[in-house]
């Protein structure tokens, strides 16, 4: 059977998100998961990978359900090594399970699928001239993520609600905040689930795009 490598910036397996990707692959490939934070404790991560002022800030999930906040600059060398490890296993296609921007990642022989290269132009094609609202997990990302939309002529309205806190009220508040500023909403983190999409859709009355489902559908066409 064909294999698709999938690297989360948290810990694998991603039992929350992997089923969404697997649904669209429909048994055509085995999902081989790897995590940047595999084998690390929350305490070690907080001491060694926490963001410094000016860092690009990311968040993800540990296998015990805890969430952590990290610096892209500090985790990128580990991420690069995880890519090489999957290549050594003979995996030819590798999906980065993160919507953040990682400049300079490389492969030796495999094809790396980076969602930040795919989601903005696809959403622009779907949105046309309609106003875009974007839901992100962290306040810092309201600024961090603006540049990836600008090349496509989009200046989204942002709201914040983490997929990892299980806070329905916060999610509904963010949806309510966006409904007056947008005509459709993008959940811009791979940690949001189908349940989150339904909640935001009900609260806002708007169409909602789930990043991991969008990527799952597109990647399934390459398997």
Foldseek 3Di string as FASTA:
>chain_A
DAEEEEEEQEADDPPFQVVLLCVQLVPVYHYHYGYLQPPHDQVCCCVQFADDPPFQKDKDAYPVLDIDIGGLVRSVVSVLVVQAVVVVVVHAHYEYQWLADDPDRDDDHHHYHHLLVPPLVVVCVVQPPWAEEEEEADPVVLPRVQVSNVVSVHRHHYDHHHLRPPDLVSLLVRLLVCLVPGQEYEHRTSSHHPVSQVSSCVSNVHHYHYSSNVVSNVVSVVD
